[in-house]
C-alpha atoms as a PDB file:
ATOM      1  CA  UNK A   1      73.224 -17.464   4.566  1.00  0.00           C
ATOM      2  CA  UNK A   2      74.664 -13.947   3.587  1.00  0.00           C
ATOM      3  CA  UNK A   3      72.486 -11.330   1.900  1.00  0.00           C
ATOM      4  CA  UNK A   4      73.733  -9.397  -0.979  1.00  0.00           C
ATOM      5  CA  UNK A   5      73.010  -5.985  -2.122  1.00  0.00           C
ATOM      6  CA  UNK A   6      73.705  -4.206  -5.927  1.00  0.00           C
ATOM      7  CA  UNK A   7      73.001  -1.216  -6.540  1.00  0.00           C
ATOM      8  CA  UNK A   8      72.804  -0.363 -10.982  1.00  0.00           C
ATOM      9  CA  UNK A   9      72.028   3.290 -11.709  1.00  0.00           C
ATOM     10  CA  UNK A  10      71.678   3.999 -15.654  1.00  0.00           C
ATOM     11  CA  UNK A  11      72.522   7.134 -17.103  1.00  0.00           C
ATOM     12  CA  UNK A  12      71.117   7.883 -21.032  1.00  0.00           C
ATOM     13  CA  UNK A  13      73.232  10.360 -23.575  1.00  0.00           C
ATOM     14  CA  UNK A  14      71.869  11.205 -26.600  1.00  0.00           C
ATOM     15  CA  UNK A  15      74.506  11.989 -29.602  1.00  0.00           C
ATOM     16  CA  UNK A  16      75.544  15.167 -30.577  1.00  0.00           C
ATOM     17  CA  UNK A  17      72.944  17.331 -32.488  1.00  0.00           C
ATOM     18  CA  UNK A  18      69.689  15.041 -31.587  1.00  0.00           C
ATOM     19  CA  UNK A  19      67.126  16.813 -29.646  1.00  0.00           C
ATOM     20  CA  UNK A  20      67.240  16.799 -26.354  1.00  0.00           C
ATOM     21  CA  UNK A  21      64.737  16.224 -23.950  1.00  0.00           C
ATOM     22  CA  UNK A  22      63.801  18.669 -21.022  1.00  0.00           C
ATOM     23  CA  UNK A  23      64.227  17.358 -17.786  1.00  0.00           C
ATOM     24  CA  UNK A  24      61.547  18.935 -16.040  1.00  0.00           C
ATOM     25  CA  UNK A  25      59.300  16.845 -18.658  1.00  0.00           C
ATOM     26  CA  UNK A  26      60.946  13.919 -17.744  1.00  0.00           C
ATOM     27  CA  UNK A  27      57.915  11.170 -17.454  1.00  0.00           C
ATOM     28  CA  UNK A  28      56.596   8.616 -14.850  1.00  0.00           C
ATOM     29  CA  UNK A  29      57.826  11.117 -11.685  1.00  0.00           C
ATOM     30  CA  UNK A  30      61.426  10.846 -11.948  1.00  0.00           C
ATOM     31  CA  UNK A  31      62.686  14.190  -9.222  1.00  0.00           C
ATOM     32  CA  UNK A  32      65.213  16.645 -10.685  1.00  0.00           C
ATOM     33  CA  UNK A  33      67.594  16.362  -7.335  1.00  0.00           C
ATOM     34  CA  UNK A  34      70.220  19.144  -6.748  1.00  0.00           C
ATOM     35  CA  UNK A  35      72.542  19.496  -3.777  1.00  0.00           C
ATOM     36  CA  UNK A  36      74.187  23.051  -2.626  1.00  0.00           C
ATOM     37  CA  UNK A  37      77.314  23.077  -1.331  1.00  0.00           C
ATOM     38  CA  UNK A  38      78.730  26.314  -0.004  1.00  0.00           C
ATOM     39  CA  UNK A  39      79.816  28.860   3.218  1.00  0.00           C
ATOM     40  CA  UNK A  40      77.435  31.203   4.153  1.00  0.00           C
ATOM     41  CA  UNK A  41      77.216  32.568   0.764  1.00  0.00           C
ATOM     42  CA  UNK A  42      75.304  29.923  -0.525  1.00  0.00           C
ATOM     43  CA  UNK A  43      73.361  30.150   3.169  1.00  0.00           C
ATOM     44  CA  UNK A  44      72.075  33.761   1.979  1.00  0.00           C
ATOM     45  CA  UNK A  45      70.402  32.221  -1.279  1.00  0.00           C
ATOM     46  CA  UNK A  46      69.144  29.463  -1.008  1.00  0.00           C
ATOM     47  CA  UNK A  47      65.755  30.181   0.370  1.00  0.00           C
ATOM     48  CA  UNK A  48      65.384  32.084  -3.083  1.00  0.00           C
ATOM     49  CA  UNK A  49      66.870  29.403  -5.259  1.00  0.00           C
ATOM     50  CA  UNK A  50      64.513  26.942  -3.602  1.00  0.00           C
ATOM     51  CA  UNK A  51      61.535  29.028  -4.721  1.00  0.00           C
ATOM     52  CA  UNK A  52      62.695  29.575  -8.137  1.00  0.00           C
ATOM     53  CA  UNK A  53      62.956  26.186  -9.117  1.00  0.00           C
ATOM     54  CA  UNK A  54      59.773  25.435  -7.344  1.00  0.00           C
ATOM     55  CA  UNK A  55      58.569  27.737 -10.071  1.00  0.00           C
ATOM     56  CA  UNK A  56      60.724  25.963 -13.169  1.00  0.00           C
ATOM     57  CA  UNK A  57      60.331  22.390 -12.030  1.00  0.00           C
ATOM     58  CA  UNK A  58      58.165  21.874  -8.824  1.00  0.00           C
ATOM     59  CA  UNK A  59      59.047  17.704  -9.007  1.00  0.00           C
ATOM     60  CA  UNK A  60      62.292  18.179  -7.503  1.00  0.00           C
ATOM     61  CA  UNK A  61      64.626  17.512  -4.178  1.00  0.00           C
ATOM     62  CA  UNK A  62      66.757  20.658  -2.658  1.00  0.00           C
ATOM     63  CA  UNK A  63      69.752  19.768  -0.241  1.00  0.00           C
ATOM     64  CA  UNK A  64      71.686  22.504   1.093  1.00  0.00           C
ATOM     65  CA  UNK A  65      74.965  21.394   2.774  1.00  0.00           C
ATOM     66  CA  UNK A  66      77.064  23.375   4.831  1.00  0.00           C
ATOM     67  CA  UNK A  67      80.568  23.373   7.018  1.00  0.00           C
ATOM     68  CA  UNK A  68      78.171  24.189   9.768  1.00  0.00           C
ATOM     69  CA  UNK A  69      75.837  21.348   9.539  1.00  0.00           C
ATOM     70  CA  UNK A  70      78.814  19.184   9.294  1.00  0.00           C
ATOM     71  CA  UNK A  71      80.726  20.903  12.455  1.00  0.00           C
ATOM     72  CA  UNK A  72      83.406  22.597  10.256  1.00  0.00           C
ATOM     73  CA  UNK A  73      82.864  25.902  12.340  1.00  0.00           C
ATOM     74  CA  UNK A  74      80.143  26.675  10.084  1.00  0.00           C
ATOM     75  CA  UNK A  75      81.776  27.485   6.408  1.00  0.00           C
ATOM     76  CA  UNK A  76      83.332  24.850   3.801  1.00  0.00           C
ATOM     77  CA  UNK A  77      86.365  23.441   4.199  1.00  0.00           C
ATOM     78  CA  UNK A  78      86.965  21.070   1.379  1.00  0.00           C
ATOM     79  CA  UNK A  79      89.973  22.810   0.874  1.00  0.00           C
ATOM     80  CA  UNK A  80      91.724  22.429   4.022  1.00  0.00           C
ATOM     81  CA  UNK A  81      89.761  19.494   6.344  1.00  0.00           C
ATOM     82  CA  UNK A  82      89.542  17.005   3.164  1.00  0.00           C
ATOM     83  CA  UNK A  83      86.834  15.592   1.930  1.00  0.00           C
ATOM     84  CA  UNK A  84      85.891  13.099   4.457  1.00  0.00           C
ATOM     85  CA  UNK A  85      83.514  14.902   6.286  1.00  0.00           C
ATOM     86  CA  UNK A  86      81.542  15.292   2.854  1.00  0.00           C
ATOM     87  CA  UNK A  87      81.695  12.641   1.308  1.00  0.00           C
ATOM     88  CA  UNK A  88      79.287  10.635   3.836  1.00  0.00           C
ATOM     89  CA  UNK A  89      76.661  12.802   2.511  1.00  0.00           C
ATOM     90  CA  UNK A  90      77.035  12.009  -0.923  1.00  0.00           C
ATOM     91  CA  UNK A  91      75.056   8.829  -0.652  1.00  0.00           C
ATOM     92  CA  UNK A  92      71.989   9.529  -3.028  1.00  0.00           C
ATOM     93  CA  UNK A  93      71.661   9.667  -7.141  1.00  0.00           C
ATOM     94  CA  UNK A  94      71.492  13.655  -8.008  1.00  0.00           C
ATOM     95  CA  UNK A  95      71.387  15.511 -10.844  1.00  0.00           C
ATOM     96  CA  UNK A  96      73.852  18.353 -10.112  1.00  0.00           C
ATOM     97  CA  UNK A  97      76.076  18.909  -6.964  1.00  0.00           C
ATOM     98  CA  UNK A  98      76.544  22.471  -7.481  1.00  0.00           C
ATOM     99  CA  UNK A  99      79.788  23.687  -5.522  1.00  0.00           C
ATOM    100  CA  UNK A 100      80.408  27.261  -4.177  1.00  0.00           C
ATOM    101  CA  UNK A 101      83.914  27.710  -3.519  1.00  0.00           C
ATOM    102  CA  UNK A 102      85.061  30.813  -1.498  1.00  0.00           C
ATOM    103  CA  UNK A 103      85.411  33.763  -2.893  1.00  0.00           C
ATOM    104  CA  UNK A 104      88.550  34.651  -1.163  1.00  0.00           C
ATOM    105  CA  UNK A 105      90.197  31.309  -1.822  1.00  0.00           C
ATOM    106  CA  UNK A 106      89.031  31.716  -5.865  1.00  0.00           C
ATOM    107  CA  UNK A 107      90.081  35.413  -5.838  1.00  0.00           C
ATOM    108  CA  UNK A 108      94.217  34.091  -6.456  1.00  0.00           C
ATOM    109  CA  UNK A 109      96.587  34.170  -8.748  1.00  0.00           C
ATOM    110  CA  UNK A 110      96.322  30.990 -11.284  1.00  0.00           C
ATOM    111  CA  UNK A 111      99.603  28.619 -10.802  1.00  0.00           C
ATOM    112  CA  UNK A 112      99.832  29.700  -7.456  1.00  0.00           C
ATOM    113  CA  UNK A 113      99.792  27.385  -4.699  1.00  0.00           C
ATOM    114  CA  UNK A 114      96.711  28.578  -3.543  1.00  0.00           C
ATOM    115  CA  UNK A 115      95.007  27.815  -7.163  1.00  0.00           C
ATOM    116  CA  UNK A 116      97.193  23.840  -6.678  1.00  0.00           C
ATOM    117  CA  UNK A 117      94.583  23.567  -4.022  1.00  0.00           C
ATOM    118  CA  UNK A 118      91.634  24.736  -5.204  1.00  0.00           C
ATOM    119  CA  UNK A 119      92.147  22.702  -8.394  1.00  0.00           C
ATOM    120  CA  UNK A 120      93.362  19.374  -6.332  1.00  0.00           C
ATOM    121  CA  UNK A 121      89.807  19.818  -4.739  1.00  0.00           C
ATOM    122  CA  UNK A 122      87.809  19.944  -7.504  1.00  0.00           C
ATOM    123  CA  UNK A 123      89.276  16.620  -8.891  1.00  0.00           C
ATOM    124  CA  UNK A 124      88.139  14.890  -5.705  1.00  0.00           C
ATOM    125  CA  UNK A 125      84.801  16.365  -6.313  1.00  0.00           C
ATOM    126  CA  UNK A 126      84.762  15.155  -9.976  1.00  0.00           C
ATOM    127  CA  UNK A 127      85.203  11.149  -8.369  1.00  0.00           C
ATOM    128  CA  UNK A 128      82.566  12.056  -6.106  1.00  0.00           C
ATOM    129  CA  UNK A 129      80.075  13.239  -8.390  1.00  0.00           C
ATOM    130  CA  UNK A 130      81.007  10.373 -10.734  1.00  0.00           C
ATOM    131  CA  UNK A 131      79.735   7.587  -8.286  1.00  0.00           C
ATOM    132  CA  UNK A 132      76.583   9.429  -7.524  1.00  0.00           C
ATOM    133  CA  UNK A 133      75.910   9.947  -9.989  1.00  0.00           C
ATOM    134  CA  UNK A 134      75.777  13.590 -10.860  1.00  0.00           C
ATOM    135  CA  UNK A 135      76.940  16.628 -12.626  1.00  0.00           C
ATOM    136  CA  UNK A 136      79.430  19.138 -10.810  1.00  0.00           C
ATOM    137  CA  UNK A 137      79.068  22.426 -11.461  1.00  0.00           C
ATOM    138  CA  UNK A 138      81.085  25.645 -10.184  1.00  0.00           C
ATOM    139  CA  UNK A 139      78.810  28.361  -8.164  1.00  0.00           C
ATOM    140  CA  UNK A 140      80.846  31.099  -9.643  1.00  0.00           C
ATOM    141  CA  UNK A 141      80.667  33.137  -5.617  1.00  0.00           C
ATOM    142  CA  UNK A 142      80.270  36.783  -6.574  1.00  0.00           C
ATOM    143  CA  UNK A 143      83.478  38.977  -4.943  1.00  0.00           C
ATOM    144  CA  UNK A 144      82.801  41.101  -2.158  1.00  0.00           C
ATOM    145  CA  UNK A 145      81.530  44.662  -2.509  1.00  0.00           C
ATOM    146  CA  UNK A 146      84.711  46.419  -1.533  1.00  0.00           C
ATOM    147  CA  UNK A 147      87.116  43.847  -2.696  1.00  0.00           C
ATOM    148  CA  UNK A 148      89.124  41.032   0.017  1.00  0.00           C
ATOM    149  CA  UNK A 149      90.152  42.951   3.267  1.00  0.00           C
ATOM    150  CA  UNK A 150      93.113  40.845   3.375  1.00  0.00           C
ATOM    151  CA  UNK A 151      94.866  41.035   0.230  1.00  0.00           C
ATOM    152  CA  UNK A 152      96.515  44.396  -0.447  1.00  0.00           C
ATOM    153  CA  UNK A 153      95.615  44.026  -4.221  1.00  0.00           C
ATOM    154  CA  UNK A 154      91.960  43.787  -3.933  1.00  0.00           C
ATOM    155  CA  UNK A 155      91.514  45.867  -1.111  1.00  0.00           C
ATOM    156  CA  UNK A 156      88.314  48.182  -1.874  1.00  0.00           C
ATOM    157  CA  UNK A 157      88.335  47.052  -5.241  1.00  0.00           C
ATOM    158  CA  UNK A 158      85.275  44.923  -6.522  1.00  0.00           C
ATOM    159  CA  UNK A 159      86.199  44.974  -9.963  1.00  0.00           C
ATOM    160  CA  UNK A 160      90.040  43.155  -9.428  1.00  0.00           C
ATOM    161  CA  UNK A 161      88.606  40.169  -7.088  1.00  0.00           C
ATOM    162  CA  UNK A 162      85.896  39.867  -9.326  1.00  0.00           C
ATOM    163  CA  UNK A 163      88.692  39.886 -12.296  1.00  0.00           C
ATOM    164  CA  UNK A 164      90.677  37.013 -10.140  1.00  0.00           C
ATOM    165  CA  UNK A 165      87.984  34.911  -9.412  1.00  0.00           C
ATOM    166  CA  UNK A 166      86.466  34.983 -13.370  1.00  0.00           C
ATOM    167  CA  UNK A 167      90.178  34.062 -13.859  1.00  0.00           C
ATOM    168  CA  UNK A 168      90.597  30.955 -12.021  1.00  0.00           C
ATOM    169  CA  UNK A 169      87.071  29.435 -12.878  1.00  0.00           C
ATOM    170  CA  UNK A 170      88.103  29.969 -16.597  1.00  0.00           C
ATOM    171  CA  UNK A 171      91.461  28.120 -16.015  1.00  0.00           C
ATOM    172  CA  UNK A 172      89.552  25.348 -13.693  1.00  0.00           C
ATOM    173  CA  UNK A 173      87.296  24.872 -16.292  1.00  0.00           C
ATOM    174  CA  UNK A 174      89.491  24.146 -19.047  1.00  0.00           C
ATOM    175  CA  UNK A 175      91.696  21.515 -16.543  1.00  0.00           C
ATOM    176  CA  UNK A 176      90.149  18.504 -17.920  1.00  0.00           C
ATOM    177  CA  UNK A 177      90.811  16.505 -14.767  1.00  0.00           C
ATOM    178  CA  UNK A 178      89.076  19.350 -12.632  1.00  0.00           C
ATOM    179  CA  UNK A 179      86.090  17.370 -14.421  1.00  0.00           C
ATOM    180  CA  UNK A 180      84.400  20.979 -14.860  1.00  0.00           C
ATOM    181  CA  UNK A 181      82.320  21.388 -17.977  1.00  0.00           C
ATOM    182  CA  UNK A 182      79.682  23.872 -16.695  1.00  0.00           C
ATOM    183  CA  UNK A 183      79.408  26.980 -14.280  1.00  0.00           C
ATOM    184  CA  UNK A 184      76.516  29.439 -13.007  1.00  0.00           C
ATOM    185  CA  UNK A 185      77.934  32.818 -13.618  1.00  0.00           C
ATOM    186  CA  UNK A 186      76.325  34.461 -10.699  1.00  0.00           C
ATOM    187  CA  UNK A 187      79.405  36.585  -9.578  1.00  0.00           C
ATOM    188  CA  UNK A 188      79.292  37.650 -13.393  1.00  0.00           C
ATOM    189  CA  UNK A 189      75.709  38.401 -12.499  1.00  0.00           C
ATOM    190  CA  UNK A 190      76.903  40.599  -9.542  1.00  0.00           C
ATOM    191  CA  UNK A 191      79.350  42.204 -12.391  1.00  0.00           C
ATOM    192  CA  UNK A 192      77.122  43.025 -14.809  1.00  0.00           C
ATOM    193  CA  UNK A 193      74.902  45.559 -12.022  1.00  0.00           C
ATOM    194  CA  UNK A 194      78.476  46.891 -11.521  1.00  0.00           C
ATOM    195  CA  UNK A 195      79.036  47.625 -14.437  1.00  0.00           C
ATOM    196  CA  UNK A 196      75.022  49.080 -15.231  1.00  0.00           C
ATOM    197  CA  UNK A 197      76.023  51.776 -12.283  1.00  0.00           C
ATOM    198  CA  UNK A 198      78.994  52.467 -14.084  1.00  0.00           C
ATOM    199  CA  UNK A 199      77.414  52.940 -17.455  1.00  0.00           C
ATOM    200  CA  UNK A 200      74.387  55.104 -15.962  1.00  0.00           C
ATOM    201  CA  UNK A 201      76.633  57.526 -14.319  1.00  0.00           C
ATOM    202  CA  UNK A 202      76.200  55.814 -10.571  1.00  0.00           C
ATOM    203  CA  UNK A 203      78.711  55.175  -7.706  1.00  0.00           C
ATOM    204  CA  UNK A 204      78.221  51.100  -7.840  1.00  0.00           C
ATOM    205  CA  UNK A 205      79.612  51.880  -3.944  1.00  0.00           C
ATOM    206  CA  UNK A 206      76.661  54.172  -2.861  1.00  0.00           C
ATOM    207  CA  UNK A 207      74.465  53.118  -0.660  1.00  0.00           C
ATOM    208  CA  UNK A 208      71.453  53.777  -2.859  1.00  0.00           C
ATOM    209  CA  UNK A 209      72.635  52.145  -5.821  1.00  0.00           C
ATOM    210  CA  UNK A 210      71.409  49.139  -7.568  1.00  0.00           C
ATOM    211  CA  UNK A 211      74.824  46.992  -6.856  1.00  0.00           C
ATOM    212  CA  UNK A 212      74.668  47.866  -3.241  1.00  0.00           C
ATOM    213  CA  UNK A 213      71.336  46.840  -2.699  1.00  0.00           C
ATOM    214  CA  UNK A 214      72.744  43.378  -3.754  1.00  0.00           C
ATOM    215  CA  UNK A 215      74.210  42.838  -0.585  1.00  0.00           C
ATOM    216  CA  UNK A 216      73.436  42.433   2.886  1.00  0.00           C
ATOM    217  CA  UNK A 217      76.769  43.379   5.116  1.00  0.00           C
ATOM    218  CA  UNK A 218      79.600  43.968   2.116  1.00  0.00           C
ATOM    219  CA  UNK A 219      79.777  39.445   1.422  1.00  0.00           C
ATOM    220  CA  UNK A 220      76.506  37.661   2.155  1.00  0.00           C
ATOM    221  CA  UNK A 221      73.500  38.595  -0.210  1.00  0.00           C
ATOM    222  CA  UNK A 222      70.561  40.622   0.540  1.00  0.00           C
ATOM    223  CA  UNK A 223      67.385  39.544  -0.449  1.00  0.00           C
ATOM    224  CA  UNK A 224      67.432  41.492  -3.565  1.00  0.00           C
ATOM    225  CA  UNK A 225      70.811  39.994  -4.259  1.00  0.00           C
ATOM    226  CA  UNK A 226      69.434  36.536  -3.652  1.00  0.00           C
ATOM    227  CA  UNK A 227      66.467  37.003  -6.344  1.00  0.00           C
ATOM    228  CA  UNK A 228      69.457  38.062  -9.066  1.00  0.00           C
ATOM    229  CA  UNK A 229      71.208  34.823  -7.704  1.00  0.00           C
ATOM    230  CA  UNK A 230      68.007  32.634  -8.092  1.00  0.00           C
ATOM    231  CA  UNK A 231      67.178  33.802 -11.128  1.00  0.00           C
ATOM    232  CA  UNK A 232      70.830  33.030 -12.518  1.00  0.00           C
ATOM    233  CA  UNK A 233      70.635  29.662 -11.225  1.00  0.00           C
ATOM    234  CA  UNK A 234      67.509  29.020 -13.050  1.00  0.00           C
ATOM    235  CA  UNK A 235      68.906  30.211 -16.024  1.00  0.00           C
ATOM    236  CA  UNK A 236      71.983  28.823 -16.372  1.00  0.00           C
ATOM    237  CA  UNK A 237      70.221  24.983 -15.471  1.00  0.00           C
ATOM    238  CA  UNK A 238      66.798  25.087 -17.609  1.00  0.00           C
ATOM    239  CA  UNK A 239      67.122  28.242 -19.672  1.00  0.00           C
ATOM    240  CA  UNK A 240      64.059  29.707 -17.952  1.00  0.00           C
ATOM    241  CA  UNK A 241      63.336  32.788 -16.692  1.00  0.00           C
ATOM    242  CA  UNK A 242      62.131  33.906 -12.997  1.00  0.00           C
ATOM    243  CA  UNK A 243      58.148  34.384 -12.529  1.00  0.00           C
ATOM    244  CA  UNK A 244      58.530  37.789 -11.703  1.00  0.00           C
ATOM    245  CA  UNK A 245      54.787  37.574  -9.765  1.00  0.00           C
ATOM    246  CA  UNK A 246      56.271  35.212  -7.660  1.00  0.00           C
ATOM    247  CA  UNK A 247      58.833  37.725  -6.431  1.00  0.00           C
ATOM    248  CA  UNK A 248      59.219  38.524  -2.858  1.00  0.00           C
ATOM    249  CA  UNK A 249      57.438  41.704  -1.341  1.00  0.00           C
ATOM    250  CA  UNK A 250      60.355  43.566  -0.976  1.00  0.00           C
ATOM    251  CA  UNK A 251      61.221  43.887  -4.817  1.00  0.00           C
ATOM    252  CA  UNK A 252      58.645  46.090  -7.036  1.00  0.00           C
ATOM    253  CA  UNK A 253      58.234  44.623 -10.424  1.00  0.00           C
ATOM    254  CA  UNK A 254      60.663  47.356 -12.096  1.00  0.00           C
ATOM    255  CA  UNK A 255      63.734  45.876 -10.060  1.00  0.00           C
ATOM    256  CA  UNK A 256      62.159  42.210 -10.912  1.00  0.00           C
ATOM    257  CA  UNK A 257      62.148  42.770 -14.466  1.00  0.00           C
ATOM    258  CA  UNK A 258      65.516  43.791 -14.559  1.00  0.00           C
ATOM    259  CA  UNK A 259      67.408  41.851 -12.471  1.00  0.00           C
ATOM    260  CA  UNK A 260      65.515  38.875 -14.396  1.00  0.00           C
ATOM    261  CA  UNK A 261      67.100  40.662 -17.589  1.00  0.00           C
ATOM    262  CA  UNK A 262      70.705  41.130 -15.929  1.00  0.00           C
ATOM    263  CA  UNK A 263      70.580  36.852 -15.475  1.00  0.00           C
ATOM    264  CA  UNK A 264      69.685  36.697 -19.357  1.00  0.00           C
ATOM    265  CA  UNK A 265      72.394  39.058 -20.506  1.00  0.00           C
ATOM    266  CA  UNK A 266      75.312  37.362 -18.052  1.00  0.00           C
ATOM    267  CA  UNK A 267      74.387  33.842 -19.393  1.00  0.00           C
ATOM    268  CA  UNK A 268      74.777  36.417 -23.361  1.00  0.00           C
ATOM    269  CA  UNK A 269      78.179  37.635 -22.263  1.00  0.00           C
ATOM    270  CA  UNK A 270      80.294  34.554 -20.902  1.00  0.00           C
ATOM    271  CA  UNK A 271      83.714  34.410 -21.557  1.00  0.00           C
ATOM    272  CA  UNK A 272      84.947  31.946 -24.395  1.00  0.00           C
ATOM    273  CA  UNK A 273      84.979  28.721 -22.796  1.00  0.00           C
ATOM    274  CA  UNK A 274      83.181  28.772 -20.078  1.00  0.00           C
ATOM    275  CA  UNK A 275      79.100  27.200 -20.551  1.00  0.00           C
ATOM    276  CA  UNK A 276      76.004  26.471 -18.114  1.00  0.00           C
ATOM    277  CA  UNK A 277      74.374  23.461 -17.805  1.00  0.00           C
ATOM    278  CA  UNK A 278      71.245  24.047 -20.002  1.00  0.00           C
ATOM    279  CA  UNK A 279      73.776  24.005 -23.256  1.00  0.00           C
ATOM    280  CA  UNK A 280      74.767  20.126 -22.310  1.00  0.00           C
ATOM    281  CA  UNK A 281      73.621  18.675 -25.735  1.00  0.00           C
ATOM    282  CA  UNK A 282      73.496  15.202 -24.082  1.00  0.00           C
ATOM    283  CA  UNK A 283      70.025  14.535 -23.325  1.00  0.00           C
ATOM    284  CA  UNK A 284      68.223  15.502 -20.396  1.00  0.00           C
ATOM    285  CA  UNK A 285      67.073  12.181 -19.370  1.00  0.00           C
ATOM    286  CA  UNK A 286      68.446  10.282 -16.743  1.00  0.00           C
ATOM    287  CA  UNK A 287      67.768   6.210 -15.559  1.00  0.00           C
ATOM    288  CA  UNK A 288      66.908   6.830 -11.664  1.00  0.00           C
ATOM    289  CA  UNK A 289      67.787   4.533  -9.144  1.00  0.00           C
ATOM    290  CA  UNK A 290      64.193   3.302  -8.660  1.00  0.00           C
ATOM    291  CA  UNK A 291      62.768  -0.386  -9.963  1.00  0.00           C
ATOM    292  CA  UNK A 292      60.583  -0.110 -13.219  1.00  0.00           C
ATOM    293  CA  UNK A 293      61.405   3.176 -14.339  1.00  0.00           C
ATOM    294  CA  UNK A 294      60.298   3.622 -17.932  1.00  0.00           C
ATOM    295  CA  UNK A 295      61.479   6.756 -20.096  1.00  0.00           C
ATOM    296  CA  UNK A 296      60.595   7.533 -23.795  1.00  0.00           C
ATOM    297  CA  UNK A 297      63.330   8.025 -26.326  1.00  0.00           C
ATOM    298  CA  UNK A 298      63.005   9.761 -29.496  1.00  0.00           C
ATOM    299  CA  UNK A 299      63.016   7.451 -32.363  1.00  0.00           C
ATOM    300  CA  UNK A 300      66.329   6.528 -34.313  1.00  0.00           C
ATOM    301  CA  UNK A 301      68.000   8.267 -31.786  1.00  0.00           C
ATOM    302  CA  UNK A 302      71.703   7.329 -31.279  1.00  0.00           C
ATOM    303  CA  UNK A 303      72.232   6.561 -27.143  1.00  0.00           C
ATOM    304  CA  UNK A 304      74.703   5.239 -25.071  1.00  0.00           C
ATOM    305  CA  UNK A 305      73.977   2.915 -21.674  1.00  0.00           C
ATOM    306  CA  UNK A 306      76.871   3.625 -19.333  1.00  0.00           C
ATOM    307  CA  UNK A 307      75.946   1.177 -16.029  1.00  0.00           C
ATOM    308  CA  UNK A 308      77.041   2.332 -12.612  1.00  0.00           C
ATOM    309  CA  UNK A 309      77.303  -0.834 -10.431  1.00  0.00           C
ATOM    310  CA  UNK A 310      78.415  -0.940  -6.787  1.00  0.00           C
ATOM    311  CA  UNK A 311      78.769  -4.096  -4.699  1.00  0.00           C
ATOM    312  CA  UNK A 312      77.914  -3.975  -1.197  1.00  0.00           C
ATOM    313  CA  UNK A 313      78.544  -7.430  -0.294  1.00  0.00           C
ATOM    314  CA  UNK A 314      82.023  -9.050   1.281  1.00  0.00           C
ATOM    315  CA  UNK A 315      82.530 -11.628  -1.750  1.00  0.00           C
ATOM    316  CA  UNK A 316      82.979 -11.273  -5.480  1.00  0.00           C
ATOM    317  CA  UNK A 317      78.946 -11.653  -6.637  1.00  0.00           C
ATOM    318  CA  UNK A 318      77.791 -11.779 -10.437  1.00  0.00           C
ATOM    319  CA  UNK A 319      75.019  -8.930 -10.881  1.00  0.00           C
ATOM    320  CA  UNK A 320      72.608  -9.703 -13.582  1.00  0.00           C
ATOM    321  CA  UNK A 321      70.892  -6.746 -15.124  1.00  0.00           C
ATOM    322  CA  UNK A 322      67.762  -6.559 -17.940  1.00  0.00           C
ATOM    323  CA  UNK A 323      67.319  -4.181 -20.112  1.00  0.00           C
ATOM    324  CA  UNK A 324      63.708  -4.845 -21.711  1.00  0.00           C
ATOM    325  CA  UNK A 325      62.031  -2.750 -24.556  1.00  0.00           C
ATOM    326  CA  UNK A 326      60.134  -3.048 -27.419  1.00  0.00           C
ATOM    327  CA  UNK A 327      61.055  -5.068 -30.420  1.00  0.00           C
ATOM    328  CA  UNK A 328      63.630  -3.762 -33.336  1.00  0.00           C
ATOM    329  CA  UNK A 329      65.863  -2.525 -30.768  1.00  0.00           C
END
């Protein structure tokens, strides 16, 4: 006798205008699951993000995927090597795929061939995230401290590189086929610190500046930069502030509070057309792929239920999905 396996995953969305339940308040033990995908830039902040997530939502899982642990020369290569090596890792349901593209690839001219390649990659990730299912979110990378040394237009120039990354991000979100709805504006948070230094009369490139303290080598994040990234991530996902009492030992309280404020100001000043995940007006409740999951739905709510059913058998089978609840549904 052939054994058949059918996986049914339920997602629930609430009509616009109704109060959404916080993900961290989800009942009955459902985890909040996040997958980070990036290169050494993401590697440099992964630990800090994990600590900040623990403060906001202790019941979570965090996976970090880089080219290195997939044998792709130690960096993110979903542009040139294709998605096949990555797709095998996306077999579990997650709430968010947080995608960090290479900053040098994002610092491109919109409508160029480089941009077309980036856009195609995000379209393919949209297909993958829909199958998981998950929300794929662009982690806006920060510009290099001294710009992109391989391109004359951005050599030695952080503001130009940051502006090009921002333009590419906005264009990707506006492109409906990318499936992108939300951003985590990390690069823009770095730019906020850069502008703060200028406003206070400090050269941002001075080794003692707040801006310089964000970098370990001009590209990767320092521990200070990692804290800013982590605070921007949890602010974007939950509208939560980092807990300054749980800051790294290297960072004093004043610096921690400053960076927490930077994350908040960055989100408050997002360019038109960009939004962060916590602004999603769909319900944050998700039916997980385990048997017997039970969730509260506000009385009078208008909901839509999508069924994701995958047939792992070799022949056609009929799947019966039972939705049970109280009377008067």
